Amino acid sequence: MPFVGATNRRGGQAATRHLVEPGHRRIAMISGPDHPFCLARMAGYSSALTVAGLPVDPDLVVRTQRTREDGCTAARDLLSRSDRPTAVLTANGMQALGVYDAARELGLRIPDDLSVVGFDDVPAVAWVDPPLTTVHQPLAEMAVAATELALALGRGEDVPQVGVEIATTLAVRESTAPPKS
């Protein structure tokens, strides 16, 4: 099946490494349902933790819908624990905005008390306070590649690659910092 996508696994790895490098050891993941891109992002998270010698703690992984409300509910549970995570990675920007809401409700400051990294880099996440660190998907490049692929297939041409994955990048903003000691 022809497709154009992003390097979701690598994005999950880069985001998790970004949290591990300054010293975070309890990193939660709020993921989405079992869609291939959510599973790939989760696999990147798990892989980066394993490479860093950190356990993949199932108690720090929440699967939920990809909405702000569901992100808030999941984060509220994670952040209310006595052994709460010092960082949270989410499967998308809306869940990350929900983490911001839960942190505010619980009196936690981002990034002083909690680091947050999202995924997708929708425009609104650069405007929140503090601006969200996120995995950027090159949506314009993906649209061009998908259009070219669809047109070539529509003309009956052989395509050199049935699947195209375009690289993600980490947009580092102000929502991450080393954990408090």
Foldseek 3Di string as FASTA:
>chain_A
DFAEAAQLLCQLQVVLCVQPVLPFQFEAEEFEPPDPSRVSSVNSVCVNCVVVVHHPDPVRYHYYHPALCGLLVSLLVQVVDPPHGQEYEYAADRSQNSNVVSCVVVVHDFPARYAYEYEDPDPVQVVDVVRHWYWHDPVVVRVVVVVVLVVCVVVVHDDPDRYHHHYIDIDDTRRHDRHDD
